[in-house]
PDB file of N, CA and C in Angstrom:
ATOM      1  N   UNK A   1     -15.564 -22.047   3.313  1.00  0.00           N
ATOM      2  CA  UNK A   1     -15.411 -20.780   2.624  1.00  0.00           C
ATOM      3  C   UNK A   1     -16.419 -19.780   3.189  1.00  0.00           C
ATOM      4  N   UNK A   2     -15.958 -18.584   3.431  1.00  0.00           N
ATOM      5  CA  UNK A   2     -16.815 -17.537   3.983  1.00  0.00           C
ATOM      6  C   UNK A   2     -17.557 -16.806   2.877  1.00  0.00           C
ATOM      7  N   UNK A   3     -18.737 -16.331   3.254  1.00  0.00           N
ATOM      8  CA  UNK A   3     -19.488 -15.499   2.319  1.00  0.00           C
ATOM      9  C   UNK A   3     -18.904 -14.093   2.355  1.00  0.00           C
ATOM     10  N   UNK A   4     -19.169 -13.285   1.343  1.00  0.00           N
ATOM     11  CA  UNK A   4     -18.661 -11.907   1.359  1.00  0.00           C
ATOM     12  C   UNK A   4     -19.129 -11.117   2.582  1.00  0.00           C
ATOM     13  N   UNK A   5     -20.350 -11.378   3.028  1.00  0.00           N
ATOM     14  CA  UNK A   5     -20.870 -10.665   4.197  1.00  0.00           C
ATOM     15  C   UNK A   5     -20.080 -11.043   5.451  1.00  0.00           C
ATOM     16  N   UNK A   6     -19.783 -12.335   5.611  1.00  0.00           N
ATOM     17  CA  UNK A   6     -18.994 -12.791   6.757  1.00  0.00           C
ATOM     18  C   UNK A   6     -17.584 -12.214   6.709  1.00  0.00           C
ATOM     19  N   UNK A   7     -17.005 -12.155   5.539  1.00  0.00           N
ATOM     20  CA  UNK A   7     -15.657 -11.598   5.383  1.00  0.00           C
ATOM     21  C   UNK A   7     -15.641 -10.110   5.711  1.00  0.00           C
ATOM     22  N   UNK A   8     -16.668  -9.395   5.287  1.00  0.00           N
ATOM     23  CA  UNK A   8     -16.762  -7.969   5.601  1.00  0.00           C
ATOM     24  C   UNK A   8     -16.844  -7.760   7.109  1.00  0.00           C
ATOM     25  N   UNK A   9     -17.677  -8.528   7.798  1.00  0.00           N
ATOM     26  CA  UNK A   9     -17.791  -8.406   9.255  1.00  0.00           C
ATOM     27  C   UNK A   9     -16.484  -8.759   9.951  1.00  0.00           C
ATOM     28  N   UNK A  10     -15.757  -9.745   9.428  1.00  0.00           N
ATOM     29  CA  UNK A  10     -14.469 -10.113  10.009  1.00  0.00           C
ATOM     30  C   UNK A  10     -13.481  -8.953   9.906  1.00  0.00           C
ATOM     31  N   UNK A  11     -13.426  -8.339   8.732  1.00  0.00           N
ATOM     32  CA  UNK A  11     -12.517  -7.207   8.533  1.00  0.00           C
ATOM     33  C   UNK A  11     -12.907  -6.043   9.433  1.00  0.00           C
ATOM     34  N   UNK A  12     -14.212  -5.753   9.513  1.00  0.00           N
ATOM     35  CA  UNK A  12     -14.674  -4.654  10.363  1.00  0.00           C
ATOM     36  C   UNK A  12     -14.365  -4.901  11.840  1.00  0.00           C
ATOM     37  N   UNK A  13     -14.489  -6.143  12.283  1.00  0.00           N
ATOM     38  CA  UNK A  13     -14.243  -6.431  13.699  1.00  0.00           C
ATOM     39  C   UNK A  13     -12.759  -6.479  14.034  1.00  0.00           C
ATOM     40  N   UNK A  14     -11.913  -6.872  13.096  1.00  0.00           N
ATOM     41  CA  UNK A  14     -10.474  -6.962  13.352  1.00  0.00           C
ATOM     42  C   UNK A  14      -9.749  -5.637  13.142  1.00  0.00           C
ATOM     43  N   UNK A  15     -10.269  -4.761  12.289  1.00  0.00           N
ATOM     44  CA  UNK A  15      -9.590  -3.513  11.954  1.00  0.00           C
ATOM     45  C   UNK A  15     -10.546  -2.319  11.951  1.00  0.00           C
ATOM     46  N   UNK A  16     -11.250  -2.054  13.057  1.00  0.00           N
ATOM     47  CA  UNK A  16     -12.242  -0.968  13.023  1.00  0.00           C
ATOM     48  C   UNK A  16     -11.613   0.417  12.824  1.00  0.00           C
ATOM     49  N   UNK A  17     -10.447   0.646  13.396  1.00  0.00           N
ATOM     50  CA  UNK A  17      -9.801   1.950  13.237  1.00  0.00           C
ATOM     51  C   UNK A  17      -9.378   2.224  11.798  1.00  0.00           C
ATOM     52  N   UNK A  18      -8.841   1.220  11.158  1.00  0.00           N
ATOM     53  CA  UNK A  18      -8.410   1.377   9.764  1.00  0.00           C
ATOM     54  C   UNK A  18      -9.597   1.620   8.844  1.00  0.00           C
ATOM     55  N   UNK A  19     -10.673   0.868   9.073  1.00  0.00           N
ATOM     56  CA  UNK A  19     -11.863   1.015   8.233  1.00  0.00           C
ATOM     57  C   UNK A  19     -12.484   2.396   8.447  1.00  0.00           C
ATOM     58  N   UNK A  20     -12.637   2.800   9.703  1.00  0.00           N
ATOM     59  CA  UNK A  20     -13.220   4.104  10.008  1.00  0.00           C
ATOM     60  C   UNK A  20     -12.338   5.239   9.482  1.00  0.00           C
ATOM     61  N   UNK A  21     -11.035   5.122   9.668  1.00  0.00           N
ATOM     62  CA  UNK A  21     -10.113   6.140   9.158  1.00  0.00           C
ATOM     63  C   UNK A  21     -10.154   6.245   7.641  1.00  0.00           C
ATOM     64  N   UNK A  22     -10.205   5.113   6.974  1.00  0.00           N
ATOM     65  CA  UNK A  22     -10.302   5.119   5.514  1.00  0.00           C
ATOM     66  C   UNK A  22     -11.600   5.742   5.036  1.00  0.00           C
ATOM     67  N   UNK A  23     -12.695   5.430   5.737  1.00  0.00           N
ATOM     68  CA  UNK A  23     -13.993   5.997   5.390  1.00  0.00           C
ATOM     69  C   UNK A  23     -13.984   7.519   5.548  1.00  0.00           C
ATOM     70  N   UNK A  24     -13.502   7.998   6.696  1.00  0.00           N
ATOM     71  CA  UNK A  24     -13.468   9.446   6.913  1.00  0.00           C
ATOM     72  C   UNK A  24     -12.501  10.137   5.952  1.00  0.00           C
ATOM     73  N   UNK A  25     -11.386   9.500   5.644  1.00  0.00           N
ATOM     74  CA  UNK A  25     -10.467  10.059   4.656  1.00  0.00           C
ATOM     75  C   UNK A  25     -11.114  10.198   3.286  1.00  0.00           C
ATOM     76  N   UNK A  26     -11.886   9.199   2.914  1.00  0.00           N
ATOM     77  CA  UNK A  26     -12.606   9.238   1.643  1.00  0.00           C
ATOM     78  C   UNK A  26     -13.617  10.385   1.633  1.00  0.00           C
ATOM     79  N   UNK A  27     -14.383  10.519   2.713  1.00  0.00           N
ATOM     80  CA  UNK A  27     -15.383  11.587   2.801  1.00  0.00           C
ATOM     81  C   UNK A  27     -14.709  12.955   2.747  1.00  0.00           C
ATOM     82  N   UNK A  28     -13.609  13.125   3.471  1.00  0.00           N
ATOM     83  CA  UNK A  28     -12.890  14.403   3.456  1.00  0.00           C
ATOM     84  C   UNK A  28     -12.368  14.698   2.051  1.00  0.00           C
ATOM     85  N   UNK A  29     -11.849  13.683   1.375  1.00  0.00           N
ATOM     86  CA  UNK A  29     -11.378  13.874   0.002  1.00  0.00           C
ATOM     87  C   UNK A  29     -12.486  14.318  -0.934  1.00  0.00           C
ATOM     88  N   UNK A  30     -13.655  13.714  -0.814  1.00  0.00           N
ATOM     89  CA  UNK A  30     -14.796  14.107  -1.642  1.00  0.00           C
ATOM     90  C   UNK A  30     -15.198  15.551  -1.361  1.00  0.00           C
ATOM     91  N   UNK A  31     -15.237  15.931  -0.083  1.00  0.00           N
ATOM     92  CA  UNK A  31     -15.606  17.309   0.285  1.00  0.00           C
ATOM     93  C   UNK A  31     -14.593  18.294  -0.288  1.00  0.00           C
ATOM     94  N   UNK A  32     -13.304  17.981  -0.196  1.00  0.00           N
ATOM     95  CA  UNK A  32     -12.273  18.876  -0.737  1.00  0.00           C
ATOM     96  C   UNK A  32     -12.397  18.995  -2.254  1.00  0.00           C
ATOM     97  N   UNK A  33     -12.654  17.898  -2.936  1.00  0.00           N
ATOM     98  CA  UNK A  33     -12.791  17.933  -4.401  1.00  0.00           C
ATOM     99  C   UNK A  33     -13.968  18.806  -4.818  1.00  0.00           C
ATOM    100  N   UNK A  34     -15.099  18.652  -4.137  1.00  0.00           N
ATOM    101  CA  UNK A  34     -16.300  19.383  -4.547  1.00  0.00           C
ATOM    102  C   UNK A  34     -16.344  20.826  -4.059  1.00  0.00           C
ATOM    103  N   UNK A  35     -15.790  21.120  -2.894  1.00  0.00           N
ATOM    104  CA  UNK A  35     -15.942  22.454  -2.311  1.00  0.00           C
ATOM    105  C   UNK A  35     -14.649  23.245  -2.198  1.00  0.00           C
ATOM    106  N   UNK A  36     -13.489  22.614  -2.230  1.00  0.00           N
ATOM    107  CA  UNK A  36     -12.216  23.312  -2.083  1.00  0.00           C
ATOM    108  C   UNK A  36     -11.723  23.251  -0.641  1.00  0.00           C
ATOM    109  N   UNK A  37     -10.445  23.647  -0.468  1.00  0.00           N
ATOM    110  CA  UNK A  37      -9.789  23.537   0.841  1.00  0.00           C
ATOM    111  C   UNK A  37     -10.448  24.390   1.911  1.00  0.00           C
ATOM    112  N   UNK A  38     -10.695  25.652   1.610  1.00  0.00           N
ATOM    113  CA  UNK A  38     -11.209  26.560   2.646  1.00  0.00           C
ATOM    114  C   UNK A  38     -12.619  26.174   3.081  1.00  0.00           C
ATOM    115  N   UNK A  39     -13.462  25.777   2.156  1.00  0.00           N
ATOM    116  CA  UNK A  39     -14.802  25.320   2.526  1.00  0.00           C
ATOM    117  C   UNK A  39     -14.733  24.019   3.320  1.00  0.00           C
ATOM    118  N   UNK A  40     -13.806  23.143   2.952  1.00  0.00           N
ATOM    119  CA  UNK A  40     -13.650  21.884   3.677  1.00  0.00           C
ATOM    120  C   UNK A  40     -13.166  22.139   5.110  1.00  0.00           C
ATOM    121  N   UNK A  41     -12.249  23.080   5.268  1.00  0.00           N
ATOM    122  CA  UNK A  41     -11.771  23.431   6.611  1.00  0.00           C
ATOM    123  C   UNK A  41     -12.896  24.058   7.424  1.00  0.00           C
ATOM    124  N   UNK A  42     -13.676  24.927   6.805  1.00  0.00           N
ATOM    125  CA  UNK A  42     -14.820  25.532   7.499  1.00  0.00           C
ATOM    126  C   UNK A  42     -15.820  24.463   7.928  1.00  0.00           C
ATOM    127  N   UNK A  43     -16.083  23.500   7.066  1.00  0.00           N
ATOM    128  CA  UNK A  43     -16.987  22.403   7.399  1.00  0.00           C
ATOM    129  C   UNK A  43     -16.432  21.587   8.558  1.00  0.00           C
ATOM    130  N   UNK A  44     -15.144  21.301   8.543  1.00  0.00           N
ATOM    131  CA  UNK A  44     -14.526  20.532   9.624  1.00  0.00           C
ATOM    132  C   UNK A  44     -14.621  21.273  10.954  1.00  0.00           C
ATOM    133  N   UNK A  45     -14.435  22.588  10.927  1.00  0.00           N
ATOM    134  CA  UNK A  45     -14.558  23.381  12.154  1.00  0.00           C
ATOM    135  C   UNK A  45     -15.992  23.345  12.673  1.00  0.00           C
ATOM    136  N   UNK A  46     -16.951  23.464  11.784  1.00  0.00           N
ATOM    137  CA  UNK A  46     -18.361  23.409  12.195  1.00  0.00           C
ATOM    138  C   UNK A  46     -18.722  22.037  12.758  1.00  0.00           C
ATOM    139  N   UNK A  47     -18.251  20.975  12.117  1.00  0.00           N
ATOM    140  CA  UNK A  47     -18.531  19.623  12.609  1.00  0.00           C
ATOM    141  C   UNK A  47     -17.876  19.420  13.972  1.00  0.00           C
ATOM    142  N   UNK A  48     -16.641  19.856  14.117  1.00  0.00           N
ATOM    143  CA  UNK A  48     -15.942  19.733  15.404  1.00  0.00           C
ATOM    144  C   UNK A  48     -16.637  20.508  16.509  1.00  0.00           C
ATOM    145  N   UNK A  49     -17.092  21.714  16.201  1.00  0.00           N
ATOM    146  CA  UNK A  49     -17.816  22.519  17.181  1.00  0.00           C
ATOM    147  C   UNK A  49     -19.130  21.855  17.560  1.00  0.00           C
ATOM    148  N   UNK A  50     -19.844  21.340  16.583  1.00  0.00           N
ATOM    149  CA  UNK A  50     -21.098  20.642  16.850  1.00  0.00           C
ATOM    150  C   UNK A  50     -20.881  19.405  17.702  1.00  0.00           C
ATOM    151  N   UNK A  51     -19.826  18.657  17.427  1.00  0.00           N
ATOM    152  CA  UNK A  51     -19.501  17.485  18.229  1.00  0.00           C
ATOM    153  C   UNK A  51     -19.203  17.891  19.668  1.00  0.00           C
ATOM    154  N   UNK A  52     -18.414  18.937  19.834  1.00  0.00           N
ATOM    155  CA  UNK A  52     -18.044  19.414  21.169  1.00  0.00           C
ATOM    156  C   UNK A  52     -19.284  19.836  21.956  1.00  0.00           C
ATOM    157  N   UNK A  53     -20.156  20.611  21.337  1.00  0.00           N
ATOM    158  CA  UNK A  53     -21.375  21.065  22.010  1.00  0.00           C
ATOM    159  C   UNK A  53     -22.263  19.866  22.354  1.00  0.00           C
ATOM    160  N   UNK A  54     -22.399  18.930  21.432  1.00  0.00           N
ATOM    161  CA  UNK A  54     -23.200  17.738  21.690  1.00  0.00           C
ATOM    162  C   UNK A  54     -22.647  16.899  22.826  1.00  0.00           C
ATOM    163  N   UNK A  55     -21.331  16.798  22.896  1.00  0.00           N
ATOM    164  CA  UNK A  55     -20.707  16.047  23.990  1.00  0.00           C
ATOM    165  C   UNK A  55     -20.977  16.715  25.331  1.00  0.00           C
ATOM    166  N   UNK A  56     -20.932  18.044  25.359  1.00  0.00           N
ATOM    167  CA  UNK A  56     -21.212  18.768  26.604  1.00  0.00           C
ATOM    168  C   UNK A  56     -22.669  18.571  27.020  1.00  0.00           C
ATOM    169  N   UNK A  57     -23.574  18.577  26.061  1.00  0.00           N
ATOM    170  CA  UNK A  57     -24.992  18.365  26.364  1.00  0.00           C
ATOM    171  C   UNK A  57     -25.206  16.947  26.899  1.00  0.00           C
ATOM    172  N   UNK A  58     -24.554  15.963  26.279  1.00  0.00           N
ATOM    173  CA  UNK A  58     -24.685  14.579  26.730  1.00  0.00           C
ATOM    174  C   UNK A  58     -24.173  14.413  28.160  1.00  0.00           C
ATOM    175  N   UNK A  59     -23.123  15.114  28.490  1.00  0.00           N
ATOM    176  CA  UNK A  59     -22.558  15.041  29.842  1.00  0.00           C
ATOM    177  C   UNK A  59     -23.350  15.863  30.849  1.00  0.00           C
ATOM    178  N   UNK A  60     -24.267  16.684  30.343  1.00  0.00           N
ATOM    179  CA  UNK A  60     -25.046  17.609  31.175  1.00  0.00           C
ATOM    180  C   UNK A  60     -24.116  18.535  31.957  1.00  0.00           C
ATOM    181  N   UNK A  61     -23.080  18.992  31.285  1.00  0.00           N
ATOM    182  CA  UNK A  61     -22.098  19.871  31.893  1.00  0.00           C
ATOM    183  C   UNK A  61     -22.400  21.315  31.503  1.00  0.00           C
ATOM    184  N   UNK A  62     -22.472  22.195  32.491  1.00  0.00           N
ATOM    185  CA  UNK A  62     -22.743  23.601  32.202  1.00  0.00           C
ATOM    186  C   UNK A  62     -21.469  24.273  31.695  1.00  0.00           C
ATOM    187  N   UNK A  63     -21.647  25.464  31.132  1.00  0.00           N
ATOM    188  CA  UNK A  63     -20.496  26.222  30.639  1.00  0.00           C
ATOM    189  C   UNK A  63     -19.545  26.561  31.779  1.00  0.00           C
ATOM    190  N   UNK A  64     -20.080  26.917  32.937  1.00  0.00           N
ATOM    191  CA  UNK A  64     -19.239  27.251  34.091  1.00  0.00           C
ATOM    192  C   UNK A  64     -18.419  26.037  34.527  1.00  0.00           C
ATOM    193  N   UNK A  65     -19.037  24.850  34.567  1.00  0.00           N
ATOM    194  CA  UNK A  65     -18.308  23.636  34.937  1.00  0.00           C
ATOM    195  C   UNK A  65     -17.201  23.334  33.928  1.00  0.00           C
ATOM    196  N   UNK A  66     -17.506  23.525  32.658  1.00  0.00           N
ATOM    197  CA  UNK A  66     -16.498  23.295  31.632  1.00  0.00           C
ATOM    198  C   UNK A  66     -15.325  24.258  31.778  1.00  0.00           C
ATOM    199  N   UNK A  67     -15.626  25.547  31.973  1.00  0.00           N
ATOM    200  CA  UNK A  67     -14.554  26.531  32.112  1.00  0.00           C
ATOM    201  C   UNK A  67     -13.733  26.279  33.362  1.00  0.00           C
ATOM    202  N   UNK A  68     -14.361  25.853  34.442  1.00  0.00           N
ATOM    203  CA  UNK A  68     -13.605  25.521  35.659  1.00  0.00           C
ATOM    204  C   UNK A  68     -12.688  24.330  35.434  1.00  0.00           C
ATOM    205  N   UNK A  69     -13.136  23.387  34.618  1.00  0.00           N
ATOM    206  CA  UNK A  69     -12.305  22.209  34.338  1.00  0.00           C
ATOM    207  C   UNK A  69     -11.143  22.558  33.409  1.00  0.00           C
ATOM    208  N   UNK A  70     -11.409  23.372  32.399  1.00  0.00           N
ATOM    209  CA  UNK A  70     -10.384  23.688  31.404  1.00  0.00           C
ATOM    210  C   UNK A  70      -9.443  24.786  31.900  1.00  0.00           C
ATOM    211  N   UNK A  71     -10.006  25.806  32.529  1.00  0.00           N
ATOM    212  CA  UNK A  71      -9.231  26.937  33.031  1.00  0.00           C
ATOM    213  C   UNK A  71      -9.358  26.968  34.558  1.00  0.00           C
ATOM    214  N   UNK A  72      -8.495  26.239  35.265  1.00  0.00           N
ATOM    215  CA  UNK A  72      -8.636  26.214  36.716  1.00  0.00           C
ATOM    216  C   UNK A  72      -8.476  27.602  37.314  1.00  0.00           C
ATOM    217  N   UNK A  73      -9.149  27.851  38.448  1.00  0.00           N
ATOM    218  CA  UNK A  73      -9.069  29.190  39.053  1.00  0.00           C
ATOM    219  C   UNK A  73      -7.643  29.516  39.476  1.00  0.00           C
ATOM    220  N   UNK A  74      -7.306  30.790  39.354  1.00  0.00           N
ATOM    221  CA  UNK A  74      -5.962  31.244  39.743  1.00  0.00           C
ATOM    222  C   UNK A  74      -5.883  31.358  41.253  1.00  0.00           C
ATOM    223  N   UNK A  75      -4.704  31.077  41.779  1.00  0.00           N
ATOM    224  CA  UNK A  75      -4.463  31.301  43.194  1.00  0.00           C
ATOM    225  C   UNK A  75      -3.844  32.664  43.366  1.00  0.00           C
ATOM    226  N   UNK A  76      -4.303  33.404  44.361  1.00  0.00           N
ATOM    227  CA  UNK A  76      -3.785  34.764  44.551  1.00  0.00           C
ATOM    228  C   UNK A  76      -2.819  34.831  45.674  1.00  0.00           C
TER     229      UNK A  76
END
């Protein structure tokens, strides 16, 4: 018989996407209940922007490199 801790680790290792998705869904639901839809959307935009900026910093990618990758130069 497994202990509750072992069972929890088994579930986390076999279904990480489901557990993470459920956790984030719960957090989003709490934010919507306490702050409302528009504040929750504003928070999500700020978190997404912060994640994007942090990812660029981690990659050590400059703004020019990012724009060249996303918006390739036009051919004349």
